[in-house]
Amino acid sequence: QKESQSLSKSVTVDLKELFTPFVVTQAVETTLSATKDVKSVKRLQFESNADKNRFEPKRVELNADDLTVTLNPMEIRTFIITTKPR
């Protein structure tokens, strides 16, 4: 694939710095529709001969201690964030 070397990199986002008007006290990753905690979802696994050469970047979980998350290129993730005013 012809992807940009500079734009197709993982990035780490600090949720506390992203929402500066608030104090972020908690973040929970959910499914894209935000209906279930992503840790409780059991996805079906399929094996295919066509997928043997396919590269999938490793998903990095939310760091609950410092509220940072690493996003890979083309990755969309949903979080429910608990805040309080500064």
C-alpha atoms as a PDB file:
ATOM      1  CA  GLN A   1       0.000   0.000   0.000  1.00  0.00           C
ATOM      2  CA  LYS A   2       1.138   3.516  -0.671  1.00  0.00           C
ATOM      3  CA  GLU A   3       0.720   5.241   2.649  1.00  0.00           C
ATOM      4  CA  SER A   4       2.498   8.295   3.945  1.00  0.00           C
ATOM      5  CA  GLN A   5       5.457   7.435   6.156  1.00  0.00           C
ATOM      6  CA  SER A   6       4.878  10.530   8.292  1.00  0.00           C
ATOM      7  CA  LEU A   7       1.074  10.467   8.495  1.00  0.00           C
ATOM      8  CA  SER A   8       0.605   6.708   8.953  1.00  0.00           C
ATOM      9  CA  LYS A   9       2.099   6.432  12.415  1.00  0.00           C
ATOM     10  CA  SER A  10       0.572   5.659  15.777  1.00  0.00           C
ATOM     11  CA  VAL A  11      -0.105   8.582  18.075  1.00  0.00           C
ATOM     12  CA  THR A  12      -0.542   8.697  21.840  1.00  0.00           C
ATOM     13  CA  VAL A  13      -3.291  10.982  23.148  1.00  0.00           C
ATOM     14  CA  ASP A  14      -3.411  12.206  26.734  1.00  0.00           C
ATOM     15  CA  LEU A  15      -7.122  12.482  27.551  1.00  0.00           C
ATOM     16  CA  LYS A  16      -6.382  14.771  30.508  1.00  0.00           C
ATOM     17  CA  GLU A  17      -4.699  17.269  28.167  1.00  0.00           C
ATOM     18  CA  LEU A  18      -7.364  16.928  25.491  1.00  0.00           C
ATOM     19  CA  PHE A  19     -10.151  18.100  27.814  1.00  0.00           C
ATOM     20  CA  THR A  20      -8.331  20.935  29.607  1.00  0.00           C
ATOM     21  CA  PRO A  21     -11.458  22.789  30.855  1.00  0.00           C
ATOM     22  CA  PHE A  22     -12.240  19.683  32.930  1.00  0.00           C
ATOM     23  CA  VAL A  23     -10.509  17.276  35.257  1.00  0.00           C
ATOM     24  CA  VAL A  24     -10.790  13.810  33.715  1.00  0.00           C
ATOM     25  CA  THR A  25     -11.350  11.353  36.550  1.00  0.00           C
ATOM     26  CA  GLN A  26     -12.092   8.183  34.589  1.00  0.00           C
ATOM     27  CA  ALA A  27     -12.196   6.829  31.050  1.00  0.00           C
ATOM     28  CA  VAL A  28     -13.759   3.563  29.904  1.00  0.00           C
ATOM     29  CA  GLU A  29     -13.368   2.246  26.384  1.00  0.00           C
ATOM     30  CA  THR A  30     -16.619   1.100  24.800  1.00  0.00           C
ATOM     31  CA  THR A  31     -17.754  -0.397  21.532  1.00  0.00           C
ATOM     32  CA  LEU A  32     -18.122   2.088  18.693  1.00  0.00           C
ATOM     33  CA  SER A  33     -21.828   2.493  19.508  1.00  0.00           C
ATOM     34  CA  ALA A  34     -20.915   3.077  23.200  1.00  0.00           C
ATOM     35  CA  THR A  35     -23.368   0.394  24.340  1.00  0.00           C
ATOM     36  CA  LYS A  36     -20.904  -2.055  25.936  1.00  0.00           C
ATOM     37  CA  ASP A  37     -17.559  -1.993  27.680  1.00  0.00           C
ATOM     38  CA  VAL A  38     -15.029  -3.159  25.076  1.00  0.00           C
ATOM     39  CA  LYS A  39     -13.495  -5.607  27.580  1.00  0.00           C
ATOM     40  CA  SER A  40     -16.787  -7.501  27.906  1.00  0.00           C
ATOM     41  CA  VAL A  41     -17.325  -7.998  24.162  1.00  0.00           C
ATOM     42  CA  LYS A  42     -16.455 -11.381  22.692  1.00  0.00           C
ATOM     43  CA  ARG A  43     -15.814 -11.073  18.935  1.00  0.00           C
ATOM     44  CA  LEU A  44     -16.075 -13.948  16.494  1.00  0.00           C
ATOM     45  CA  GLN A  45     -12.724 -15.051  15.071  1.00  0.00           C
ATOM     46  CA  PHE A  46     -12.528 -16.118  11.439  1.00  0.00           C
ATOM     47  CA  GLU A  47      -9.642 -17.792   9.666  1.00  0.00           C
ATOM     48  CA  SER A  48      -9.041 -17.074   6.025  1.00  0.00           C
ATOM     49  CA  ASN A  49      -6.226 -17.935   3.657  1.00  0.00           C
ATOM     50  CA  ALA A  50      -6.501 -14.458   2.143  1.00  0.00           C
ATOM     51  CA  ASP A  51      -5.736 -12.806   5.487  1.00  0.00           C
ATOM     52  CA  LYS A  52      -2.412 -14.579   6.096  1.00  0.00           C
ATOM     53  CA  ASN A  53      -0.367 -11.692   4.653  1.00  0.00           C
ATOM     54  CA  ARG A  54      -2.512  -8.946   6.097  1.00  0.00           C
ATOM     55  CA  PHE A  55      -0.847  -6.633   8.605  1.00  0.00           C
ATOM     56  CA  GLU A  56      -2.905  -5.501  11.562  1.00  0.00           C
ATOM     57  CA  PRO A  57      -1.267  -3.194  14.089  1.00  0.00           C
ATOM     58  CA  LYS A  58      -1.439  -4.289  17.704  1.00  0.00           C
ATOM     59  CA  ARG A  59      -4.192  -2.552  19.618  1.00  0.00           C
ATOM     60  CA  VAL A  60      -2.896  -0.729  22.691  1.00  0.00           C
ATOM     61  CA  GLU A  61      -5.289  -0.589  25.629  1.00  0.00           C
ATOM     62  CA  LEU A  62      -6.172   2.585  27.475  1.00  0.00           C
ATOM     63  CA  ASN A  63      -3.676   3.296  30.247  1.00  0.00           C
ATOM     64  CA  ALA A  64      -6.058   3.827  33.176  1.00  0.00           C
ATOM     65  CA  ASP A  65      -3.297   5.213  35.409  1.00  0.00           C
ATOM     66  CA  ASP A  66      -2.366   8.236  33.314  1.00  0.00           C
ATOM     67  CA  LEU A  67      -5.397   8.230  30.947  1.00  0.00           C
ATOM     68  CA  THR A  68      -3.403   7.967  27.729  1.00  0.00           C
ATOM     69  CA  VAL A  69      -4.429   5.996  24.674  1.00  0.00           C
ATOM     70  CA  THR A  70      -2.421   5.046  21.598  1.00  0.00           C
ATOM     71  CA  LEU A  71      -4.308   5.219  18.302  1.00  0.00           C
ATOM     72  CA  ASN A  72      -3.104   3.458  15.176  1.00  0.00           C
ATOM     73  CA  PRO A  73      -3.706   4.818  11.660  1.00  0.00           C
ATOM     74  CA  MET A  74      -7.315   4.399  10.485  1.00  0.00           C
ATOM     75  CA  GLU A  75      -8.392   3.329  13.984  1.00  0.00           C
ATOM     76  CA  ILE A  76     -11.602   4.685  15.521  1.00  0.00           C
ATOM     77  CA  ARG A  77     -12.204   4.154  19.221  1.00  0.00           C
ATOM     78  CA  THR A  78     -14.925   5.293  21.637  1.00  0.00           C
ATOM     79  CA  PHE A  79     -14.533   6.242  25.291  1.00  0.00           C
ATOM     80  CA  ILE A  80     -16.940   7.327  28.000  1.00  0.00           C
ATOM     81  CA  ILE A  81     -15.130   9.934  30.042  1.00  0.00           C
ATOM     82  CA  THR A  82     -16.074  11.076  33.534  1.00  0.00           C
ATOM     83  CA  THR A  83     -15.108  14.675  34.298  1.00  0.00           C
ATOM     84  CA  LYS A  84     -15.502  17.372  36.886  1.00  0.00           C
ATOM     85  CA  PRO A  85     -15.051  21.134  36.430  1.00  0.00           C
ATOM     86  CA  ARG A  86     -11.664  22.691  37.166  1.00  0.00           C
END
